[in-house]
Amino acid sequence: MSRQRFDRAMERMRSQDVRLRQDGFDFVREHADSYVTELIEEFGREPAGELRRWLLELIAEARSEEALPVFAAVLDGHDEDLRFWAIRGLEELDTPLARRELERAGGEPWSY
């Protein structure tokens, strides 16, 4: 997948037009595993809000171990929406390290 297509999708996700935002999100969701590095970079740059939550959702959708440090860091934060997607991402990874992070965060995954 080309970086240019990803950048166009990100522009759409930042649009004021709801339809364009959804189109950008849908494109990236279909290709999230190909863009995990770019998604993590965008997540790190995005300060807050809906787009940051969407990015973490997309990172979770990618199911990449590369995202484990991102999920672990989010678990230490206070944004419940982000914590939800971090937990979901760790559950999707279902690796020993991901399970350890879930345990560190406090027990049963859906009890957060």
N, C-alpha and C. Protein backbone atom coordinates (compact mmCIF):
# COMPACT_ATOMS: atom_id res chain seq x y z
N MET A 1 0.83 -1.18 0.00
CA MET A 1 0.00 0.00 0.00
C MET A 1 0.88 1.25 0.00
N SER A 2 0.46 2.24 -0.69
CA SER A 2 1.30 3.43 -0.80
C SER A 2 1.04 4.41 0.34
N ARG A 3 2.09 5.11 0.68
CA ARG A 3 1.98 6.15 1.72
C ARG A 3 1.04 7.25 1.25
N GLN A 4 1.03 7.52 -0.04
CA GLN A 4 0.17 8.56 -0.60
C GLN A 4 -1.31 8.25 -0.33
N ARG A 5 -1.70 7.00 -0.50
CA ARG A 5 -3.10 6.61 -0.25
C ARG A 5 -3.43 6.76 1.23
N PHE A 6 -2.48 6.39 2.08
CA PHE A 6 -2.69 6.54 3.52
C PHE A 6 -2.84 8.02 3.88
N ASP A 7 -1.97 8.86 3.34
CA ASP A 7 -2.04 10.29 3.63
C ASP A 7 -3.37 10.90 3.17
N ARG A 8 -3.86 10.47 2.02
CA ARG A 8 -5.17 10.96 1.54
C ARG A 8 -6.28 10.51 2.48
N ALA A 9 -6.19 9.28 2.94
CA ALA A 9 -7.20 8.78 3.88
C ALA A 9 -7.16 9.57 5.19
N MET A 10 -5.97 9.91 5.66
CA MET A 10 -5.84 10.71 6.88
C MET A 10 -6.42 12.10 6.67
N GLU A 11 -6.19 12.69 5.52
CA GLU A 11 -6.78 14.00 5.22
C GLU A 11 -8.30 13.91 5.31
N ARG A 12 -8.85 12.85 4.77
CA ARG A 12 -10.30 12.67 4.83
C ARG A 12 -10.77 12.50 6.26
N MET A 13 -10.02 11.77 7.06
CA MET A 13 -10.41 11.56 8.45
C MET A 13 -10.38 12.86 9.25
N ARG A 14 -9.62 13.83 8.78
CA ARG A 14 -9.56 15.14 9.45
C ARG A 14 -10.56 16.14 8.86
N SER A 15 -11.31 15.74 7.87
CA SER A 15 -12.26 16.63 7.19
C SER A 15 -13.41 17.02 8.12
N GLN A 16 -14.03 18.14 7.81
CA GLN A 16 -15.25 18.55 8.52
C GLN A 16 -16.46 17.80 8.00
N ASP A 17 -16.34 17.21 6.82
CA ASP A 17 -17.42 16.47 6.18
C ASP A 17 -17.49 15.06 6.79
N VAL A 18 -18.60 14.74 7.41
CA VAL A 18 -18.76 13.46 8.08
C VAL A 18 -18.57 12.29 7.12
N ARG A 19 -19.10 12.41 5.92
CA ARG A 19 -18.99 11.34 4.93
C ARG A 19 -17.53 11.10 4.55
N LEU A 20 -16.78 12.17 4.34
CA LEU A 20 -15.36 12.03 4.01
C LEU A 20 -14.58 11.39 5.16
N ARG A 21 -14.90 11.81 6.39
CA ARG A 21 -14.22 11.22 7.55
C ARG A 21 -14.45 9.72 7.60
N GLN A 22 -15.70 9.33 7.39
CA GLN A 22 -16.03 7.90 7.43
C GLN A 22 -15.37 7.15 6.29
N ASP A 23 -15.33 7.74 5.10
CA ASP A 23 -14.67 7.10 3.96
C ASP A 23 -13.18 6.87 4.24
N GLY A 24 -12.53 7.88 4.83
CA GLY A 24 -11.11 7.74 5.16
C GLY A 24 -10.89 6.63 6.19
N PHE A 25 -11.74 6.63 7.21
CA PHE A 25 -11.66 5.60 8.25
C PHE A 25 -11.86 4.21 7.64
N ASP A 26 -12.88 4.07 6.81
CA ASP A 26 -13.18 2.77 6.21
C ASP A 26 -12.02 2.27 5.35
N PHE A 27 -11.40 3.17 4.58
CA PHE A 27 -10.26 2.76 3.76
C PHE A 27 -9.14 2.23 4.64
N VAL A 28 -8.78 2.99 5.67
CA VAL A 28 -7.67 2.57 6.52
C VAL A 28 -8.02 1.28 7.26
N ARG A 29 -9.26 1.14 7.70
CA ARG A 29 -9.66 -0.08 8.40
C ARG A 29 -9.44 -1.32 7.52
N GLU A 30 -9.76 -1.20 6.26
CA GLU A 30 -9.57 -2.31 5.33
C GLU A 30 -8.10 -2.68 5.14
N HIS A 31 -7.21 -1.74 5.40
CA HIS A 31 -5.78 -1.94 5.16
C HIS A 31 -4.94 -1.69 6.41
N ALA A 32 -5.55 -1.76 7.58
CA ALA A 32 -4.87 -1.38 8.82
C ALA A 32 -3.58 -2.17 9.03
N ASP A 33 -3.58 -3.45 8.68
CA ASP A 33 -2.38 -4.25 8.89
C ASP A 33 -1.21 -3.78 8.02
N SER A 34 -1.51 -3.14 6.91
CA SER A 34 -0.46 -2.62 6.03
C SER A 34 0.07 -1.26 6.49
N TYR A 35 -0.68 -0.59 7.34
CA TYR A 35 -0.33 0.77 7.75
C TYR A 35 -0.09 0.90 9.25
N VAL A 36 0.21 -0.17 9.93
CA VAL A 36 0.33 -0.10 11.39
C VAL A 36 1.40 0.90 11.83
N THR A 37 2.54 0.94 11.17
CA THR A 37 3.60 1.89 11.55
C THR A 37 3.12 3.32 11.38
N GLU A 38 2.47 3.61 10.28
CA GLU A 38 1.95 4.95 10.02
C GLU A 38 0.86 5.33 11.02
N LEU A 39 0.01 4.36 11.36
CA LEU A 39 -1.04 4.62 12.34
C LEU A 39 -0.46 4.95 13.71
N ILE A 40 0.56 4.21 14.10
CA ILE A 40 1.20 4.47 15.39
C ILE A 40 1.84 5.86 15.39
N GLU A 41 2.48 6.23 14.28
CA GLU A 41 3.07 7.57 14.18
C GLU A 41 1.99 8.65 14.30
N GLU A 42 0.89 8.49 13.58
CA GLU A 42 -0.20 9.47 13.63
C GLU A 42 -0.79 9.54 15.04
N PHE A 43 -0.97 8.40 15.67
CA PHE A 43 -1.50 8.37 17.03
C PHE A 43 -0.60 9.17 17.98
N GLY A 44 0.70 9.00 17.82
CA GLY A 44 1.65 9.73 18.67
C GLY A 44 1.61 11.23 18.47
N ARG A 45 1.24 11.66 17.27
CA ARG A 45 1.18 13.10 16.97
C ARG A 45 -0.17 13.74 17.32
N GLU A 46 -1.20 12.93 17.35
CA GLU A 46 -2.55 13.46 17.56
C GLU A 46 -2.76 13.78 19.04
N PRO A 47 -3.12 15.01 19.37
CA PRO A 47 -3.18 15.40 20.77
C PRO A 47 -4.34 14.79 21.56
N ALA A 48 -5.53 14.74 21.01
CA ALA A 48 -6.69 14.24 21.77
C ALA A 48 -7.89 14.19 20.84
N GLY A 49 -8.99 13.67 21.37
CA GLY A 49 -10.24 13.73 20.65
C GLY A 49 -10.60 12.48 19.86
N GLU A 50 -11.64 12.65 19.05
CA GLU A 50 -12.20 11.55 18.30
C GLU A 50 -11.18 10.89 17.36
N LEU A 51 -10.38 11.69 16.68
CA LEU A 51 -9.42 11.12 15.75
C LEU A 51 -8.41 10.23 16.47
N ARG A 52 -7.98 10.64 17.63
CA ARG A 52 -7.03 9.83 18.41
C ARG A 52 -7.67 8.49 18.76
N ARG A 53 -8.94 8.50 19.15
CA ARG A 53 -9.63 7.24 19.46
C ARG A 53 -9.78 6.38 18.21
N TRP A 54 -10.11 6.99 17.08
CA TRP A 54 -10.22 6.24 15.83
C TRP A 54 -8.88 5.60 15.46
N LEU A 55 -7.81 6.35 15.64
CA LEU A 55 -6.48 5.81 15.31
C LEU A 55 -6.16 4.59 16.17
N LEU A 56 -6.48 4.66 17.45
CA LEU A 56 -6.20 3.51 18.31
C LEU A 56 -7.09 2.33 17.93
N GLU A 57 -8.31 2.59 17.56
CA GLU A 57 -9.19 1.52 17.07
C GLU A 57 -8.57 0.85 15.83
N LEU A 58 -8.05 1.65 14.94
CA LEU A 58 -7.42 1.12 13.72
C LEU A 58 -6.15 0.35 14.05
N ILE A 59 -5.40 0.83 15.01
CA ILE A 59 -4.19 0.12 15.44
C ILE A 59 -4.58 -1.24 16.02
N ALA A 60 -5.63 -1.27 16.81
CA ALA A 60 -6.13 -2.54 17.35
C ALA A 60 -6.56 -3.47 16.23
N GLU A 61 -7.21 -2.92 15.22
CA GLU A 61 -7.67 -3.70 14.07
C GLU A 61 -6.50 -4.34 13.32
N ALA A 62 -5.34 -3.71 13.35
CA ALA A 62 -4.16 -4.21 12.64
C ALA A 62 -3.62 -5.50 13.25
N ARG A 63 -3.86 -5.70 14.53
CA ARG A 63 -3.41 -6.92 15.22
C ARG A 63 -1.90 -7.16 15.05
N SER A 64 -1.14 -6.11 15.33
CA SER A 64 0.32 -6.20 15.17
C SER A 64 1.00 -6.08 16.53
N GLU A 65 1.97 -6.94 16.77
CA GLU A 65 2.74 -6.87 18.02
C GLU A 65 3.51 -5.56 18.12
N GLU A 66 3.73 -4.90 17.01
CA GLU A 66 4.39 -3.59 17.01
C GLU A 66 3.62 -2.58 17.87
N ALA A 67 2.32 -2.82 18.03
CA ALA A 67 1.47 -1.88 18.77
C ALA A 67 1.45 -2.14 20.27
N LEU A 68 2.03 -3.22 20.73
CA LEU A 68 1.97 -3.55 22.15
C LEU A 68 2.43 -2.41 23.06
N PRO A 69 3.55 -1.74 22.78
CA PRO A 69 3.95 -0.63 23.66
C PRO A 69 2.93 0.52 23.67
N VAL A 70 2.27 0.74 22.56
CA VAL A 70 1.24 1.79 22.50
C VAL A 70 0.08 1.42 23.42
N PHE A 71 -0.39 0.20 23.29
CA PHE A 71 -1.50 -0.26 24.13
C PHE A 71 -1.13 -0.20 25.61
N ALA A 72 0.08 -0.65 25.93
CA ALA A 72 0.52 -0.65 27.33
C ALA A 72 0.56 0.77 27.89
N ALA A 73 1.04 1.72 27.11
CA ALA A 73 1.10 3.11 27.57
C ALA A 73 -0.29 3.68 27.77
N VAL A 74 -1.22 3.36 26.89
CA VAL A 74 -2.58 3.87 27.00
C VAL A 74 -3.27 3.33 28.25
N LEU A 75 -2.96 2.09 28.61
CA LEU A 75 -3.57 1.50 29.81
C LEU A 75 -3.24 2.30 31.06
N ASP A 76 -2.12 3.01 31.06
CA ASP A 76 -1.73 3.81 32.21
C ASP A 76 -2.39 5.19 32.22
N GLY A 77 -3.13 5.51 31.16
CA GLY A 77 -3.78 6.82 31.07
C GLY A 77 -5.16 6.84 31.69
N HIS A 78 -5.83 7.97 31.56
CA HIS A 78 -7.13 8.16 32.19
C HIS A 78 -8.28 8.25 31.20
N ASP A 79 -8.01 8.21 29.92
CA ASP A 79 -9.07 8.29 28.91
C ASP A 79 -9.70 6.91 28.75
N GLU A 80 -10.94 6.77 29.23
CA GLU A 80 -11.62 5.47 29.22
C GLU A 80 -11.86 4.95 27.81
N ASP A 81 -12.14 5.84 26.87
CA ASP A 81 -12.35 5.40 25.49
C ASP A 81 -11.06 4.82 24.90
N LEU A 82 -9.94 5.47 25.18
CA LEU A 82 -8.66 4.95 24.70
C LEU A 82 -8.32 3.63 25.40
N ARG A 83 -8.59 3.57 26.70
CA ARG A 83 -8.33 2.32 27.44
C ARG A 83 -9.12 1.16 26.83
N PHE A 84 -10.37 1.43 26.45
CA PHE A 84 -11.19 0.39 25.83
C PHE A 84 -10.50 -0.18 24.61
N TRP A 85 -10.00 0.70 23.72
CA TRP A 85 -9.36 0.22 22.48
C TRP A 85 -8.01 -0.42 22.75
N ALA A 86 -7.31 0.04 23.80
CA ALA A 86 -6.05 -0.60 24.16
C ALA A 86 -6.31 -2.02 24.65
N ILE A 87 -7.32 -2.18 25.47
CA ILE A 87 -7.68 -3.51 25.96
C ILE A 87 -8.09 -4.40 24.79
N ARG A 88 -8.91 -3.86 23.93
CA ARG A 88 -9.35 -4.62 22.75
C ARG A 88 -8.15 -5.04 21.89
N GLY A 89 -7.21 -4.13 21.69
CA GLY A 89 -6.02 -4.45 20.92
C GLY A 89 -5.18 -5.54 21.57
N LEU A 90 -5.02 -5.47 22.88
CA LEU A 90 -4.26 -6.50 23.58
C LEU A 90 -4.97 -7.85 23.52
N GLU A 91 -6.28 -7.83 23.64
CA GLU A 91 -7.04 -9.07 23.52
C GLU A 91 -6.89 -9.67 22.12
N GLU A 92 -6.92 -8.82 21.11
CA GLU A 92 -6.77 -9.30 19.73
C GLU A 92 -5.37 -9.89 19.50
N LEU A 93 -4.35 -9.30 20.13
CA LEU A 93 -3.00 -9.83 19.98
C LEU A 93 -2.91 -11.23 20.60
N ASP A 94 -3.48 -11.37 21.80
CA ASP A 94 -3.54 -12.67 22.48
C ASP A 94 -2.17 -13.37 22.51
N THR A 95 -1.15 -12.62 22.90
CA THR A 95 0.19 -13.18 23.08
C THR A 95 0.49 -13.19 24.58
N PRO A 96 1.51 -13.92 25.00
CA PRO A 96 1.86 -13.89 26.42
C PRO A 96 2.14 -12.46 26.93
N LEU A 97 2.84 -11.66 26.14
CA LEU A 97 3.11 -10.27 26.57
C LEU A 97 1.83 -9.45 26.65
N ALA A 98 0.94 -9.64 25.70
CA ALA A 98 -0.33 -8.90 25.72
C ALA A 98 -1.16 -9.31 26.94
N ARG A 99 -1.20 -10.61 27.23
CA ARG A 99 -1.95 -11.08 28.41
C ARG A 99 -1.33 -10.54 29.70
N ARG A 100 0.00 -10.44 29.73
CA ARG A 100 0.67 -9.89 30.91
C ARG A 100 0.28 -8.43 31.12
N GLU A 101 0.20 -7.67 30.02
CA GLU A 101 -0.22 -6.26 30.13
C GLU A 101 -1.67 -6.15 30.62
N LEU A 102 -2.52 -7.03 30.15
CA LEU A 102 -3.90 -7.02 30.62
C LEU A 102 -3.97 -7.33 32.11
N GLU A 103 -3.18 -8.30 32.55
CA GLU A 103 -3.14 -8.63 33.98
C GLU A 103 -2.61 -7.46 34.79
N ARG A 104 -1.57 -6.82 34.29
CA ARG A 104 -0.99 -5.66 34.98
C ARG A 104 -2.02 -4.56 35.14
N ALA A 105 -2.90 -4.45 34.16
CA ALA A 105 -3.91 -3.39 34.19
C ALA A 105 -5.04 -3.69 35.16
N GLY A 106 -5.10 -4.90 35.64
CA GLY A 106 -6.06 -5.13 36.71
C GLY A 106 -7.09 -6.21 36.55
N GLY A 107 -6.80 -7.30 35.94
CA GLY A 107 -7.74 -8.41 35.99
C GLY A 107 -8.42 -8.73 34.69
N GLU A 108 -9.70 -9.06 34.82
CA GLU A 108 -10.48 -9.50 33.67
C GLU A 108 -10.61 -8.37 32.65
N PRO A 109 -10.34 -8.64 31.38
CA PRO A 109 -10.33 -7.60 30.35
C PRO A 109 -11.58 -6.74 30.32
N TRP A 110 -12.75 -7.31 30.41
CA TRP A 110 -13.96 -6.50 30.26
C TRP A 110 -14.41 -5.86 31.57
N SER A 111 -13.60 -5.98 32.61
CA SER A 111 -13.96 -5.36 33.88
C SER A 111 -13.37 -3.97 34.05
N TYR A 112 -12.69 -3.46 33.04
CA TYR A 112 -12.03 -2.17 33.16
C TYR A 112 -13.03 -1.10 33.12
